Amino acid sequence: MRILLVEDDRRIRLDVEEALLAAGYLVEAVSDGEEAWFRGSTEDYAAVVLDLGLPGLDGMSLLKRWRAETRDFPVLILTARGTWRERVEGIDAGADDYLPKPFAMEELLARLRAVIRRRGGHASAEIAIGPMLLDPRQMRVTRNGTALSLSPQEYRLVSYLMHNAGRVVPQQELAEHLQAEHYDRESNAVEVLVGRVRRKIGGDFIETRRGFGYLVGGS
């Protein structure tokens, strides 16, 4: 899954980016509000971690602009502004959660997992689809109780499809959440990866909808 991290404090940005990468996310980190607005307006993200005190365009204005453009990705505000009035303003502006600085990295990751799974309609910390169980906390996928050996890229594919269970995910969208910006999204790399995953988890779990994309948990 691809996360947009918007933070102008270099030390915090590097620490958060390292933690997100270790948790299996793809991360695009920026420090300027205008650049963040452009990326969020033109690219798809599983979630955004957003600081409010940004140069160029402040985080609150940025969030309001995204919501006015009907950009609906989850936004976790991460900021030193911690009064209840500011939290209310952020949530009313369209934020999904609010974490004041200083913070524990484990809490940030837990809150991020929560806003991502809620976007897909999942309430539990673990996502169960048929015989498959996804535990994002442990970056683990099991089938009928048996843990599967997946590469990081294979895990991201299964995780993204399970978070979006019941919805056909276009191949282009899936490609954007599997690899970094230089990834060749026009190649057949997604098809190859899906084939490799099917051999590991069973060919009946990921359904191909020709000309549309991939589906898990369909009827």
Protein backbone atom coordinates (compact mmCIF):
# COMPACT_ATOMS: atom_id res chain seq x y z
CA MET A 1 0.00 0.00 0.00
CA ARG A 2 1.20 3.47 -0.87
CA ILE A 3 1.32 6.17 1.82
CA LEU A 4 1.88 9.89 1.32
CA LEU A 5 3.89 11.32 4.23
CA VAL A 6 3.77 15.12 4.49
CA GLU A 7 6.15 16.42 7.16
CA ASP A 8 8.59 19.33 7.05
CA ASP A 9 10.66 18.30 10.09
CA ARG A 10 13.45 16.24 8.52
CA ARG A 11 14.16 14.10 11.59
CA ILE A 12 10.51 13.21 12.14
CA ARG A 13 10.00 12.61 8.41
CA LEU A 14 12.92 10.18 8.23
CA ASP A 15 11.88 8.34 11.41
CA VAL A 16 8.28 7.95 10.28
CA GLU A 17 9.32 6.93 6.78
CA GLU A 18 11.62 4.25 8.19
CA ALA A 19 8.84 2.89 10.41
CA LEU A 20 6.33 2.83 7.55
CA LEU A 21 8.76 1.02 5.26
CA ALA A 22 9.46 -1.54 7.98
CA ALA A 23 5.70 -2.07 8.32
CA GLY A 24 5.44 -3.00 4.65
CA TYR A 25 4.14 0.26 3.18
CA LEU A 26 5.42 2.12 0.14
CA VAL A 27 6.16 5.69 1.15
CA GLU A 28 6.32 8.95 -0.77
CA ALA A 29 7.65 11.62 1.59
CA VAL A 30 7.39 15.35 0.90
CA SER A 31 8.02 18.43 3.03
CA ASP A 32 6.12 21.15 1.16
CA GLY A 33 2.37 21.76 1.15
CA GLU A 34 2.12 22.68 -2.53
CA GLU A 35 3.94 19.54 -3.65
CA ALA A 36 1.78 17.46 -1.32
CA TRP A 37 -1.37 19.02 -2.80
CA PHE A 38 -0.25 18.16 -6.34
CA ARG A 39 0.55 14.56 -5.46
CA GLY A 40 -2.65 14.02 -3.51
CA SER A 41 -4.70 15.56 -6.31
CA THR A 42 -3.18 13.40 -9.05
CA GLU A 43 -2.21 10.13 -7.39
CA ASP A 44 -4.00 7.41 -5.41
CA TYR A 45 -2.90 6.67 -1.84
CA ALA A 46 -4.07 4.19 0.77
CA ALA A 47 -3.69 6.99 3.33
CA VAL A 48 -1.95 10.30 4.04
CA VAL A 49 0.01 11.20 7.17
CA LEU A 50 -0.23 15.00 7.30
CA ASP A 51 1.55 17.61 9.39
CA LEU A 52 -0.24 20.95 9.74
CA GLY A 53 2.69 23.39 10.02
CA LEU A 54 3.94 23.21 6.44
CA PRO A 55 5.73 25.73 4.20
CA GLY A 56 3.99 26.85 1.04
CA LEU A 57 0.50 25.63 1.92
CA ASP A 58 -0.45 24.81 5.50
CA GLY A 59 -1.83 21.38 6.29
CA MET A 60 -5.35 22.51 7.21
CA SER A 61 -5.78 24.41 3.93
CA LEU A 62 -4.31 21.45 2.08
CA LEU A 63 -6.76 19.04 3.69
CA LYS A 64 -9.74 21.30 2.91
CA ARG A 65 -8.60 21.63 -0.70
CA TRP A 66 -8.34 17.85 -1.12
CA ARG A 67 -11.79 17.29 0.35
CA ALA A 68 -13.24 20.02 -1.89
CA GLU A 69 -11.76 18.08 -4.82
CA THR A 70 -13.53 14.96 -3.47
CA ARG A 71 -10.24 13.21 -2.70
CA ASP A 72 -11.40 10.60 -0.19
CA PHE A 73 -8.24 8.86 1.00
CA PRO A 74 -7.92 8.61 4.81
CA VAL A 75 -5.92 11.40 6.42
CA LEU A 76 -4.11 11.05 9.75
CA ILE A 77 -3.09 14.44 11.09
CA LEU A 78 0.27 14.43 12.84
CA THR A 79 1.09 17.75 14.48
CA ALA A 80 2.34 19.65 17.50
CA ARG A 81 -0.94 21.59 17.59
CA GLY A 82 -2.74 19.62 20.26
CA THR A 83 -5.61 21.67 21.71
CA TRP A 84 -9.08 20.18 21.52
CA ARG A 85 -10.29 23.08 19.35
CA GLU A 86 -7.60 22.37 16.78
CA ARG A 87 -8.42 18.67 16.83
CA VAL A 88 -12.09 19.43 16.25
CA GLU A 89 -11.21 21.78 13.39
CA GLY A 90 -9.04 19.12 11.76
CA ILE A 91 -11.68 16.42 12.03
CA ASP A 92 -14.40 18.77 10.77
CA ALA A 93 -12.14 19.65 7.83
CA GLY A 94 -12.11 16.00 6.79
CA ALA A 95 -9.38 14.30 8.83
CA ASP A 96 -9.98 10.70 9.86
CA ASP A 97 -7.77 10.75 12.95
CA TYR A 98 -5.49 13.08 14.88
CA LEU A 99 -2.22 12.26 16.66
CA PRO A 100 -0.44 15.05 18.58
CA LYS A 101 3.35 15.26 18.81
CA PRO A 102 5.30 13.85 20.55
CA PHE A 103 3.96 10.39 19.76
CA ALA A 104 4.86 6.73 20.00
CA MET A 105 5.60 5.17 16.61
CA GLU A 106 3.58 2.08 17.55
CA GLU A 107 0.52 4.26 18.10
CA LEU A 108 0.98 5.99 14.75
CA LEU A 109 1.15 2.62 12.98
CA ALA A 110 -1.91 1.33 14.85
CA ARG A 111 -3.95 4.41 14.00
CA LEU A 112 -2.84 4.21 10.37
CA ARG A 113 -3.87 0.56 10.13
CA ALA A 114 -7.24 1.50 11.61
CA VAL A 115 -8.06 4.31 9.17
CA ILE A 116 -6.99 2.14 6.22
CA ARG A 117 -9.08 -0.85 7.20
CA ARG A 118 -12.12 1.30 8.03
CA ARG A 119 -11.98 2.77 4.53
CA GLY A 120 -12.47 -0.76 3.23
CA GLY A 121 -15.32 -1.46 5.67
CA HIS A 122 -13.33 -3.70 8.01
CA ALA A 123 -13.80 -3.25 11.75
CA SER A 124 -11.48 -5.97 13.07
CA ALA A 125 -7.70 -5.67 13.31
CA GLU A 126 -7.53 -8.88 11.25
CA ILE A 127 -9.26 -9.30 7.89
CA ALA A 128 -10.78 -12.69 7.09
CA ILE A 129 -11.86 -13.55 3.54
CA GLY A 130 -12.86 -17.19 3.09
CA PRO A 131 -9.95 -19.39 4.24
CA MET A 132 -7.53 -16.45 4.22
CA LEU A 133 -6.64 -14.35 7.25
CA LEU A 134 -4.60 -11.14 7.00
CA ASP A 135 -2.88 -9.73 10.08
CA PRO A 136 -1.38 -6.33 9.13
CA ARG A 137 0.20 -6.00 12.59
CA GLN A 138 2.44 -8.97 11.91
CA MET A 139 2.51 -8.60 8.10
CA ARG A 140 1.28 -12.18 7.97
CA VAL A 141 -1.19 -14.05 5.77
CA THR A 142 -2.51 -17.49 6.68
CA ARG A 143 -4.69 -19.95 4.78
CA ASN A 144 -6.71 -22.32 6.97
CA GLY A 145 -4.37 -21.47 9.83
CA THR A 146 -1.15 -22.15 7.93
CA ALA A 147 1.20 -19.19 7.46
CA LEU A 148 2.14 -18.44 3.86
CA SER A 149 5.65 -17.54 2.75
CA LEU A 150 5.22 -14.35 0.74
CA SER A 151 7.77 -11.85 -0.51
CA PRO A 152 7.19 -8.19 0.47
CA GLN A 153 5.69 -7.46 -2.94
CA GLU A 154 3.47 -10.55 -2.82
CA TYR A 155 2.30 -9.54 0.66
CA ARG A 156 1.42 -6.04 -0.56
CA LEU A 157 -0.65 -7.51 -3.38
CA VAL A 158 -2.63 -9.83 -1.11
CA SER A 159 -3.01 -7.13 1.54
CA TYR A 160 -4.33 -4.53 -0.89
CA LEU A 161 -6.82 -6.91 -2.47
CA MET A 162 -8.07 -8.12 0.94
CA HIS A 163 -8.44 -4.57 2.22
CA ASN A 164 -10.54 -3.91 -0.90
CA ALA A 165 -12.48 -7.18 -0.79
CA GLY A 166 -15.67 -7.22 -2.84
CA ARG A 167 -14.41 -4.51 -5.21
CA VAL A 168 -12.76 -5.10 -8.57
CA VAL A 169 -9.34 -3.45 -8.34
CA PRO A 170 -8.08 -2.19 -11.71
CA GLN A 171 -4.64 -3.44 -12.71
CA GLN A 172 -3.29 0.13 -12.91
CA GLU A 173 -4.43 0.90 -9.36
CA LEU A 174 -2.91 -2.32 -8.08
CA ALA A 175 0.39 -1.54 -9.78
CA GLU A 176 0.54 1.84 -8.04
CA HIS A 177 0.40 0.16 -4.63
CA LEU A 178 2.93 -2.57 -5.36
CA GLN A 179 6.14 -0.79 -6.19
CA ALA A 180 7.91 2.56 -6.12
CA GLU A 181 7.37 5.43 -8.55
CA HIS A 182 9.76 4.02 -11.16
CA TYR A 183 7.73 0.80 -11.43
CA ASP A 184 6.74 -0.04 -15.02
CA ARG A 185 2.98 0.15 -14.70
CA GLU A 186 2.43 -0.55 -18.38
CA SER A 187 4.12 -3.94 -18.33
CA ASN A 188 2.62 -7.34 -17.49
CA ALA A 189 4.38 -7.33 -14.11
CA VAL A 190 1.09 -7.38 -12.19
CA GLU A 191 -0.15 -10.41 -14.14
CA VAL A 192 3.11 -12.22 -13.45
CA LEU A 193 2.93 -11.37 -9.75
CA VAL A 194 -0.71 -12.48 -9.46
CA GLY A 195 0.22 -15.78 -11.11
CA ARG A 196 3.04 -16.30 -8.64
CA VAL A 197 0.78 -15.53 -5.68
CA ARG A 198 -1.91 -17.89 -6.96
CA ARG A 199 0.57 -20.75 -6.98
CA LYS A 200 1.26 -20.09 -3.30
CA ILE A 201 -2.24 -19.44 -1.96
CA GLY A 202 -4.47 -21.35 -4.37
CA GLY A 203 -5.78 -20.31 -7.76
CA ASP A 204 -9.38 -19.81 -6.64
CA PHE A 205 -8.81 -16.90 -4.24
CA ILE A 206 -7.93 -14.08 -6.66
CA GLU A 207 -10.46 -13.77 -9.46
CA THR A 208 -9.55 -12.10 -12.75
CA ARG A 209 -12.19 -9.89 -14.36
CA ARG A 210 -10.90 -9.52 -17.88
CA GLY A 211 -10.63 -5.91 -18.93
CA PHE A 212 -11.46 -4.68 -15.42
CA GLY A 213 -9.01 -6.01 -12.83
CA TYR A 214 -8.79 -8.40 -9.89
CA LEU A 215 -11.25 -9.34 -7.18
CA VAL A 216 -11.22 -11.25 -3.90
CA GLY A 217 -14.27 -11.98 -1.82
CA GLY A 218 -16.67 -11.68 -4.72
CA SER A 219 -20.00 -13.45 -4.91
